[in-house]
C-alpha atoms as a PDB file:
ATOM      1  CA  MET A   1     -40.841  14.121  56.579  1.00  0.00           C
ATOM      2  CA  PRO A   2     -43.299  11.234  56.142  1.00  0.00           C
ATOM      3  CA  THR A   3     -45.952  10.386  58.727  1.00  0.00           C
ATOM      4  CA  ALA A   4     -47.466   6.900  58.886  1.00  0.00           C
ATOM      5  CA  THR A   5     -50.915   6.223  60.325  1.00  0.00           C
ATOM      6  CA  ARG A   6     -52.360   2.820  61.129  1.00  0.00           C
ATOM      7  CA  SER A   7     -55.947   1.704  61.644  1.00  0.00           C
ATOM      8  CA  ARG A   8     -58.302  -0.865  60.165  1.00  0.00           C
ATOM      9  CA  LEU A   9     -58.164   1.195  56.995  1.00  0.00           C
ATOM     10  CA  PRO A  10     -55.123   1.026  54.691  1.00  0.00           C
ATOM     11  CA  VAL A  11     -51.980   2.790  55.858  1.00  0.00           C
ATOM     12  CA  THR A  12     -51.738   6.379  54.619  1.00  0.00           C
ATOM     13  CA  ILE A  13     -48.573   8.458  54.265  1.00  0.00           C
ATOM     14  CA  ALA A  14     -48.413  12.258  54.527  1.00  0.00           C
ATOM     15  CA  ALA A  15     -45.123  13.933  53.623  1.00  0.00           C
ATOM     16  CA  ALA A  16     -43.464  17.285  53.005  1.00  0.00           C
ATOM     17  CA  GLY A  17     -39.939  18.499  52.342  1.00  0.00           C
ATOM     18  CA  ASP A  18     -37.880  21.605  51.767  1.00  0.00           C
ATOM     19  CA  THR A  19     -34.278  22.744  51.629  1.00  0.00           C
ATOM     20  CA  HIS A  20     -32.473  26.012  52.376  1.00  0.00           C
ATOM     21  CA  ILE A  21     -29.103  27.270  51.241  1.00  0.00           C
ATOM     22  CA  GLY A  22     -28.146  28.074  54.863  1.00  0.00           C
ATOM     23  CA  GLY A  23     -24.618  29.379  55.316  1.00  0.00           C
ATOM     24  CA  HIS A  24     -23.347  28.162  51.935  1.00  0.00           C
ATOM     25  CA  SER A  25     -22.916  30.082  48.707  1.00  0.00           C
ATOM     26  CA  HIS A  26     -24.846  27.397  46.797  1.00  0.00           C
ATOM     27  CA  ASN A  27     -27.180  24.543  47.686  1.00  0.00           C
ATOM     28  CA  GLU A  28     -25.827  20.989  47.491  1.00  0.00           C
ATOM     29  CA  ASP A  29     -28.797  19.293  49.186  1.00  0.00           C
ATOM     30  CA  ALA A  30     -31.469  17.583  47.089  1.00  0.00           C
ATOM     31  CA  MET A  31     -34.557  15.511  47.755  1.00  0.00           C
ATOM     32  CA  VAL A  32     -37.244  13.523  46.012  1.00  0.00           C
ATOM     33  CA  LEU A  33     -40.714  12.922  47.422  1.00  0.00           C
ATOM     34  CA  ARG A  34     -42.542  10.291  45.385  1.00  0.00           C
ATOM     35  CA  PRO A  35     -45.792   9.339  47.141  1.00  0.00           C
ATOM     36  CA  ASP A  36     -46.803   7.387  44.028  1.00  0.00           C
ATOM     37  CA  LEU A  37     -43.838   5.084  44.702  1.00  0.00           C
ATOM     38  CA  ASN A  38     -43.942   5.404  48.519  1.00  0.00           C
ATOM     39  CA  LEU A  39     -40.334   6.582  48.137  1.00  0.00           C
ATOM     40  CA  TYR A  40     -38.600   9.476  49.908  1.00  0.00           C
ATOM     41  CA  VAL A  41     -34.936  10.328  49.298  1.00  0.00           C
ATOM     42  CA  LEU A  42     -32.563  13.006  50.594  1.00  0.00           C
ATOM     43  CA  ALA A  43     -28.959  13.569  49.476  1.00  0.00           C
ATOM     44  CA  ASP A  44     -26.179  15.937  50.532  1.00  0.00           C
ATOM     45  CA  GLY A  45     -23.597  16.498  47.812  1.00  0.00           C
ATOM     46  CA  ALA A  46     -19.944  17.480  47.940  1.00  0.00           C
ATOM     47  CA  GLY A  47     -17.115  18.062  45.532  1.00  0.00           C
ATOM     48  CA  GLY A  48     -16.632  21.741  44.930  1.00  0.00           C
ATOM     49  CA  HIS A  49     -18.562  24.431  43.106  1.00  0.00           C
ATOM     50  CA  ASN A  50     -21.308  23.007  40.867  1.00  0.00           C
ATOM     51  CA  ALA A  51     -20.242  19.407  41.536  1.00  0.00           C
ATOM     52  CA  GLY A  52     -21.926  18.754  44.874  1.00  0.00           C
ATOM     53  CA  ASN A  53     -25.345  19.835  43.696  1.00  0.00           C
ATOM     54  CA  VAL A  54     -24.935  17.713  40.556  1.00  0.00           C
ATOM     55  CA  ALA A  55     -24.041  14.668  42.673  1.00  0.00           C
ATOM     56  CA  SER A  56     -27.017  15.020  45.024  1.00  0.00           C
ATOM     57  CA  SER A  57     -29.478  15.680  42.199  1.00  0.00           C
ATOM     58  CA  LEU A  58     -28.098  12.732  40.239  1.00  0.00           C
ATOM     59  CA  ALA A  59     -28.408  10.484  43.293  1.00  0.00           C
ATOM     60  CA  THR A  60     -32.035  11.329  44.034  1.00  0.00           C
ATOM     61  CA  THR A  61     -33.196  11.165  40.424  1.00  0.00           C
ATOM     62  CA  THR A  62     -31.354   7.899  39.724  1.00  0.00           C
ATOM     63  CA  ILE A  63     -32.968   6.210  42.714  1.00  0.00           C
ATOM     64  CA  ALA A  64     -36.414   7.452  41.690  1.00  0.00           C
ATOM     65  CA  HIS A  65     -35.881   6.320  38.080  1.00  0.00           C
ATOM     66  CA  PHE A  66     -34.733   2.895  39.284  1.00  0.00           C
ATOM     67  CA  PHE A  67     -38.018   2.450  41.134  1.00  0.00           C
ATOM     68  CA  GLU A  68     -40.019   3.631  38.143  1.00  0.00           C
ATOM     69  CA  GLN A  69     -38.274   1.199  35.832  1.00  0.00           C
ATOM     70  CA  THR A  70     -38.552  -1.814  38.169  1.00  0.00           C
ATOM     71  CA  LYS A  71     -42.064  -1.249  39.518  1.00  0.00           C
ATOM     72  CA  VAL A  72     -43.885  -3.758  37.297  1.00  0.00           C
ATOM     73  CA  ALA A  73     -41.394  -6.555  37.988  1.00  0.00           C
ATOM     74  CA  ALA A  74     -41.245  -5.737  41.701  1.00  0.00           C
ATOM     75  CA  ASP A  75     -45.025  -5.944  42.075  1.00  0.00           C
ATOM     76  CA  ARG A  76     -44.823  -9.633  41.142  1.00  0.00           C
ATOM     77  CA  LEU A  77     -42.200 -10.460  43.777  1.00  0.00           C
ATOM     78  CA  PRO A  78     -43.037 -12.056  47.161  1.00  0.00           C
ATOM     79  CA  GLU A  79     -42.488 -10.144  50.393  1.00  0.00           C
ATOM     80  CA  PHE A  80     -39.381 -12.233  51.195  1.00  0.00           C
ATOM     81  CA  ASP A  81     -36.878 -13.864  48.851  1.00  0.00           C
ATOM     82  CA  GLY A  82     -35.462 -17.375  49.037  1.00  0.00           C
ATOM     83  CA  LEU A  83     -32.976 -16.252  51.691  1.00  0.00           C
ATOM     84  CA  GLY A  84     -35.706 -14.837  53.910  1.00  0.00           C
ATOM     85  CA  LEU A  85     -34.719 -11.231  53.173  1.00  0.00           C
ATOM     86  CA  PRO A  86     -37.289  -8.518  52.366  1.00  0.00           C
ATOM     87  CA  THR A  87     -37.373  -8.080  48.599  1.00  0.00           C
ATOM     88  CA  ALA A  88     -38.279  -4.394  48.964  1.00  0.00           C
ATOM     89  CA  ALA A  89     -35.191  -3.765  51.101  1.00  0.00           C
ATOM     90  CA  ARG A  90     -32.942  -5.432  48.543  1.00  0.00           C
ATOM     91  CA  ARG A  91     -34.563  -3.338  45.820  1.00  0.00           C
ATOM     92  CA  LEU A  92     -33.847  -0.167  47.794  1.00  0.00           C
ATOM     93  CA  SER A  93     -30.209  -1.189  48.237  1.00  0.00           C
ATOM     94  CA  ALA A  94     -29.947  -1.933  44.516  1.00  0.00           C
ATOM     95  CA  ALA A  95     -31.283   1.554  43.753  1.00  0.00           C
ATOM     96  CA  VAL A  96     -28.583   3.159  45.895  1.00  0.00           C
ATOM     97  CA  GLN A  97     -25.948   1.005  44.202  1.00  0.00           C
ATOM     98  CA  ALA A  98     -27.256   2.221  40.825  1.00  0.00           C
ATOM     99  CA  ALA A  99     -26.916   5.815  42.042  1.00  0.00           C
ATOM    100  CA  ASN A 100     -23.307   5.132  43.029  1.00  0.00           C
ATOM    101  CA  LYS A 101     -22.503   3.817  39.552  1.00  0.00           C
ATOM    102  CA  GLU A 102     -24.137   6.831  37.912  1.00  0.00           C
ATOM    103  CA  THR A 103     -22.206   9.202  40.186  1.00  0.00           C
ATOM    104  CA  LEU A 104     -18.878   7.561  39.381  1.00  0.00           C
ATOM    105  CA  ALA A 105     -19.627   7.532  35.661  1.00  0.00           C
ATOM    106  CA  PHE A 106     -20.639  11.193  35.561  1.00  0.00           C
ATOM    107  CA  ALA A 107     -17.652  12.257  37.679  1.00  0.00           C
ATOM    108  CA  GLY A 108     -15.385  10.815  35.010  1.00  0.00           C
ATOM    109  CA  THR A 109     -16.847  12.933  32.212  1.00  0.00           C
ATOM    110  CA  SER A 110     -14.991  16.148  33.105  1.00  0.00           C
ATOM    111  CA  ASP A 111     -12.384  17.570  35.449  1.00  0.00           C
ATOM    112  CA  ARG A 112     -15.013  19.928  36.807  1.00  0.00           C
ATOM    113  CA  HIS A 113     -17.000  17.021  38.249  1.00  0.00           C
ATOM    114  CA  ARG A 114     -14.103  14.781  39.181  1.00  0.00           C
ATOM    115  CA  GLY A 115     -14.239  13.721  42.836  1.00  0.00           C
ATOM    116  CA  MET A 116     -17.874  14.681  43.343  1.00  0.00           C
ATOM    117  CA  GLY A 117     -19.924  12.602  45.741  1.00  0.00           C
ATOM    118  CA  SER A 118     -23.009  12.546  47.894  1.00  0.00           C
ATOM    119  CA  THR A 119     -24.500  11.080  51.010  1.00  0.00           C
ATOM    120  CA  VAL A 120     -27.968   9.593  50.732  1.00  0.00           C
ATOM    121  CA  VAL A 121     -30.750   8.476  53.030  1.00  0.00           C
ATOM    122  CA  ALA A 122     -33.809   6.826  51.487  1.00  0.00           C
ATOM    123  CA  VAL A 123     -37.038   5.410  52.838  1.00  0.00           C
ATOM    124  CA  LEU A 124     -39.367   3.021  51.026  1.00  0.00           C
ATOM    125  CA  PHE A 125     -42.743   2.305  52.600  1.00  0.00           C
ATOM    126  CA  ASP A 126     -44.118  -1.169  51.929  1.00  0.00           C
ATOM    127  CA  VAL A 127     -47.695  -0.158  52.663  1.00  0.00           C
ATOM    128  CA  PRO A 128     -49.420  -3.561  52.277  1.00  0.00           C
ATOM    129  CA  HIS A 129     -47.054  -5.133  54.809  1.00  0.00           C
ATOM    130  CA  ARG A 130     -46.834  -2.021  57.032  1.00  0.00           C
ATOM    131  CA  THR A 131     -43.058  -1.960  56.872  1.00  0.00           C
ATOM    132  CA  MET A 132     -40.607   0.847  56.172  1.00  0.00           C
ATOM    133  CA  HIS A 133     -37.276   0.035  54.585  1.00  0.00           C
ATOM    134  CA  LEU A 134     -34.387   2.403  55.235  1.00  0.00           C
ATOM    135  CA  ALA A 135     -31.098   2.690  53.328  1.00  0.00           C
ATOM    136  CA  HIS A 136     -28.302   5.163  53.938  1.00  0.00           C
ATOM    137  CA  VAL A 137     -24.722   6.023  53.070  1.00  0.00           C
ATOM    138  CA  GLY A 138     -22.799   8.791  54.849  1.00  0.00           C
ATOM    139  CA  ASP A 139     -24.086  11.065  57.600  1.00  0.00           C
ATOM    140  CA  SER A 140     -27.519  12.115  56.386  1.00  0.00           C
ATOM    141  CA  ARG A 141     -29.944  10.776  58.961  1.00  0.00           C
ATOM    142  CA  CYS A 142     -33.365   9.310  59.620  1.00  0.00           C
ATOM    143  CA  TYR A 143     -35.154   9.875  62.934  1.00  0.00           C
ATOM    144  CA  ARG A 144     -38.392   8.328  64.128  1.00  0.00           C
ATOM    145  CA  LEU A 145     -40.775   9.743  66.698  1.00  0.00           C
ATOM    146  CA  ARG A 146     -42.905   6.974  68.191  1.00  0.00           C
ATOM    147  CA  ALA A 147     -45.109   7.317  71.263  1.00  0.00           C
ATOM    148  CA  GLY A 148     -43.286  10.509  72.257  1.00  0.00           C
ATOM    149  CA  CYS A 149     -39.823   8.918  72.020  1.00  0.00           C
ATOM    150  CA  LEU A 150     -37.287  10.128  69.442  1.00  0.00           C
ATOM    151  CA  GLU A 151     -34.889   7.548  68.014  1.00  0.00           C
ATOM    152  CA  GLN A 152     -32.120   7.915  65.456  1.00  0.00           C
ATOM    153  CA  LEU A 153     -32.556   5.004  63.056  1.00  0.00           C
ATOM    154  CA  THR A 154     -29.333   5.610  61.107  1.00  0.00           C
ATOM    155  CA  PHE A 155     -25.724   5.419  62.266  1.00  0.00           C
ATOM    156  CA  ASP A 156     -23.333   7.927  60.696  1.00  0.00           C
ATOM    157  CA  HIS A 157     -20.661   6.430  58.460  1.00  0.00           C
ATOM    158  CA  SER A 158     -18.010   8.716  59.898  1.00  0.00           C
ATOM    159  CA  PHE A 159     -14.328   8.449  60.756  1.00  0.00           C
ATOM    160  CA  ILE A 160     -15.017   8.887  64.469  1.00  0.00           C
ATOM    161  CA  ASN A 161     -17.640   6.138  64.532  1.00  0.00           C
ATOM    162  CA  ASP A 162     -15.378   3.795  62.567  1.00  0.00           C
ATOM    163  CA  VAL A 163     -12.551   4.368  65.072  1.00  0.00           C
ATOM    164  CA  LEU A 164     -14.858   3.765  68.027  1.00  0.00           C
ATOM    165  CA  GLU A 165     -16.139   0.523  66.483  1.00  0.00           C
ATOM    166  CA  MET A 166     -12.565  -0.795  66.416  1.00  0.00           C
ATOM    167  CA  ARG A 167     -11.330   0.901  69.601  1.00  0.00           C
ATOM    168  CA  PRO A 168     -14.310   1.455  71.920  1.00  0.00           C
ATOM    169  CA  ASN A 169     -12.037   2.047  74.920  1.00  0.00           C
ATOM    170  CA  LEU A 170     -10.229   4.983  73.319  1.00  0.00           C
ATOM    171  CA  ALA A 171      -9.960   7.841  75.804  1.00  0.00           C
ATOM    172  CA  ASP A 172     -12.452  10.677  75.323  1.00  0.00           C
ATOM    173  CA  ALA A 173      -9.599  13.173  75.135  1.00  0.00           C
ATOM    174  CA  ARG A 174      -8.170  11.363  72.118  1.00  0.00           C
ATOM    175  CA  VAL A 175     -11.578  10.987  70.490  1.00  0.00           C
ATOM    176  CA  LYS A 176     -12.077  14.753  70.715  1.00  0.00           C
ATOM    177  CA  LYS A 177      -8.872  15.280  68.746  1.00  0.00           C
ATOM    178  CA  LEU A 178     -10.106  13.184  65.819  1.00  0.00           C
ATOM    179  CA  PRO A 179     -11.293  15.090  62.744  1.00  0.00           C
ATOM    180  CA  LYS A 180     -15.020  15.751  62.784  1.00  0.00           C
ATOM    181  CA  ASN A 181     -17.492  15.566  59.903  1.00  0.00           C
ATOM    182  CA  VAL A 182     -15.274  13.197  57.926  1.00  0.00           C
ATOM    183  CA  ILE A 183     -17.469  10.575  56.283  1.00  0.00           C
ATOM    184  CA  THR A 184     -16.100   7.183  55.277  1.00  0.00           C
ATOM    185  CA  ARG A 185     -18.860   6.141  52.872  1.00  0.00           C
ATOM    186  CA  ALA A 186     -20.481   8.147  50.097  1.00  0.00           C
ATOM    187  CA  LEU A 187     -21.801   7.785  46.598  1.00  0.00           C
ATOM    188  CA  GLY A 188     -18.942   8.346  44.181  1.00  0.00           C
ATOM    189  CA  MET A 189     -16.216   7.401  46.643  1.00  0.00           C
ATOM    190  CA  ALA A 190     -15.501   3.903  45.284  1.00  0.00           C
ATOM    191  CA  GLU A 191     -16.956   1.265  42.969  1.00  0.00           C
ATOM    192  CA  GLU A 192     -17.507  -1.073  45.908  1.00  0.00           C
ATOM    193  CA  LEU A 193     -20.054   0.527  48.232  1.00  0.00           C
ATOM    194  CA  ARG A 194     -21.537  -0.862  51.447  1.00  0.00           C
ATOM    195  CA  VAL A 195     -25.111   0.346  51.831  1.00  0.00           C
ATOM    196  CA  THR A 196     -26.653   0.039  55.282  1.00  0.00           C
ATOM    197  CA  VAL A 197     -30.234  -1.225  54.992  1.00  0.00           C
ATOM    198  CA  ARG A 198     -32.715  -1.879  57.797  1.00  0.00           C
ATOM    199  CA  SER A 199     -36.427  -2.704  57.923  1.00  0.00           C
ATOM    200  CA  HIS A 200     -38.824  -1.468  60.610  1.00  0.00           C
ATOM    201  CA  GLY A 201     -42.495  -2.097  61.291  1.00  0.00           C
ATOM    202  CA  MET A 202     -44.783   0.926  61.085  1.00  0.00           C
ATOM    203  CA  LEU A 203     -47.167   1.848  63.874  1.00  0.00           C
ATOM    204  CA  HIS A 204     -50.042   4.290  64.059  1.00  0.00           C
ATOM    205  CA  GLY A 205     -48.767   7.828  64.511  1.00  0.00           C
ATOM    206  CA  ASP A 206     -45.124   7.208  63.564  1.00  0.00           C
ATOM    207  CA  ARG A 207     -43.326  10.320  62.341  1.00  0.00           C
ATOM    208  CA  TYR A 208     -40.087  10.133  60.383  1.00  0.00           C
ATOM    209  CA  LEU A 209     -37.539  12.819  59.635  1.00  0.00           C
ATOM    210  CA  LEU A 210     -34.926  12.571  56.889  1.00  0.00           C
ATOM    211  CA  CYS A 211     -32.334  15.335  57.170  1.00  0.00           C
ATOM    212  CA  SER A 212     -28.894  16.490  56.101  1.00  0.00           C
ATOM    213  CA  ASP A 213     -26.164  17.332  58.611  1.00  0.00           C
ATOM    214  CA  GLY A 214     -27.004  20.995  58.166  1.00  0.00           C
ATOM    215  CA  LEU A 215     -29.981  20.269  60.372  1.00  0.00           C
ATOM    216  CA  SER A 216     -28.695  17.512  62.670  1.00  0.00           C
ATOM    217  CA  ASP A 217     -25.486  19.421  63.493  1.00  0.00           C
ATOM    218  CA  PHE A 218     -27.358  22.533  64.623  1.00  0.00           C
ATOM    219  CA  VAL A 219     -30.720  21.346  65.968  1.00  0.00           C
ATOM    220  CA  SER A 220     -30.634  19.259  69.147  1.00  0.00           C
ATOM    221  CA  ASP A 221     -32.548  16.015  69.610  1.00  0.00           C
ATOM    222  CA  PRO A 222     -34.942  17.610  72.135  1.00  0.00           C
ATOM    223  CA  GLN A 223     -35.712  20.346  69.603  1.00  0.00           C
ATOM    224  CA  VAL A 224     -36.312  17.785  66.865  1.00  0.00           C
ATOM    225  CA  GLN A 225     -38.590  15.820  69.172  1.00  0.00           C
ATOM    226  CA  GLU A 226     -40.559  18.937  70.072  1.00  0.00           C
ATOM    227  CA  ALA A 227     -41.023  19.930  66.422  1.00  0.00           C
ATOM    228  CA  LEU A 228     -42.058  16.465  65.276  1.00  0.00           C
ATOM    229  CA  ALA A 229     -44.564  16.141  68.107  1.00  0.00           C
ATOM    230  CA  LEU A 230     -46.517  19.255  67.125  1.00  0.00           C
ATOM    231  CA  ALA A 231     -50.088  18.673  65.973  1.00  0.00           C
ATOM    232  CA  VAL A 232     -49.638  20.658  62.759  1.00  0.00           C
ATOM    233  CA  PRO A 233     -49.371  19.723  59.057  1.00  0.00           C
ATOM    234  CA  CYS A 234     -46.089  18.257  57.767  1.00  0.00           C
ATOM    235  CA  ASP A 235     -45.289  21.476  55.879  1.00  0.00           C
ATOM    236  CA  ASP A 236     -45.337  23.444  59.110  1.00  0.00           C
ATOM    237  CA  ARG A 237     -43.063  20.990  60.915  1.00  0.00           C
ATOM    238  CA  VAL A 238     -40.580  21.107  58.032  1.00  0.00           C
ATOM    239  CA  ALA A 239     -40.589  24.914  58.038  1.00  0.00           C
ATOM    240  CA  LEU A 240     -40.067  25.002  61.802  1.00  0.00           C
ATOM    241  CA  LEU A 241     -37.136  22.574  61.739  1.00  0.00           C
ATOM    242  CA  ILE A 242     -35.378  24.523  58.992  1.00  0.00           C
ATOM    243  CA  GLN A 243     -35.957  27.778  60.857  1.00  0.00           C
ATOM    244  CA  MET A 244     -34.478  26.211  64.001  1.00  0.00           C
ATOM    245  CA  ALA A 245     -31.308  25.393  62.066  1.00  0.00           C
ATOM    246  CA  LEU A 246     -31.137  28.893  60.597  1.00  0.00           C
ATOM    247  CA  ASP A 247     -31.666  30.450  64.032  1.00  0.00           C
ATOM    248  CA  ALA A 248     -28.719  28.336  65.246  1.00  0.00           C
ATOM    249  CA  LYS A 249     -26.600  29.912  62.454  1.00  0.00           C
ATOM    250  CA  ALA A 250     -26.297  26.737  60.408  1.00  0.00           C
ATOM    251  CA  LYS A 251     -23.125  26.950  58.338  1.00  0.00           C
ATOM    252  CA  ASP A 252     -24.321  24.332  55.876  1.00  0.00           C
ATOM    253  CA  ASN A 253     -27.270  23.717  53.613  1.00  0.00           C
ATOM    254  CA  VAL A 254     -30.336  22.506  55.489  1.00  0.00           C
ATOM    255  CA  ALA A 255     -32.776  19.884  54.206  1.00  0.00           C
END
């Protein structure tokens, strides 16, 4: 849960993270907090016993390793490429694509891991340019609290949302009959992967929350807003949000 502050001094980032097994028999959520890279990644794995946690761990570590290996070359790049696109955002998308390839390759090594996959949501802070780049696949989310207003910055890649994009006038009664929690994009699902990437300016006091659906499905937006707004350290806000999900009898892992 990174927090950005802005003043005449350089931007500083404070962050914390944690995960809880929740109502599952094993934990398939994983995260990486790399303040040295200004990189924060959360993944929610799936694919059966021992496969989901492998997929999420592989996703987070692959993305972090990609940034380690490309740091020197990336530092020489301009803020925008020849097409006018942020180079940092394209780098973040490339890292997620690398994680997808690693997931597919590992899934093919044994029947035990076949079909494994993972959602991912990743944030890269471009501190010199005071910009945050956000990439996601699946239904793990990123929220931003700015000036007391909570906003969901990601849009779930779910079956229901895909249907509503094509048929926005579908009756509510029919929408309610559609299967819930079915994601249409994930690492390991296919070789061709569409990664949603957006860039946002950072302002003084911004607070960001990356979370798995074990939190967003059981903690309401008003509760999230209240927790993020507290004048306490990041660790305490993380602990409170996870406890809120557990108090709501979260049936999934919480991160």
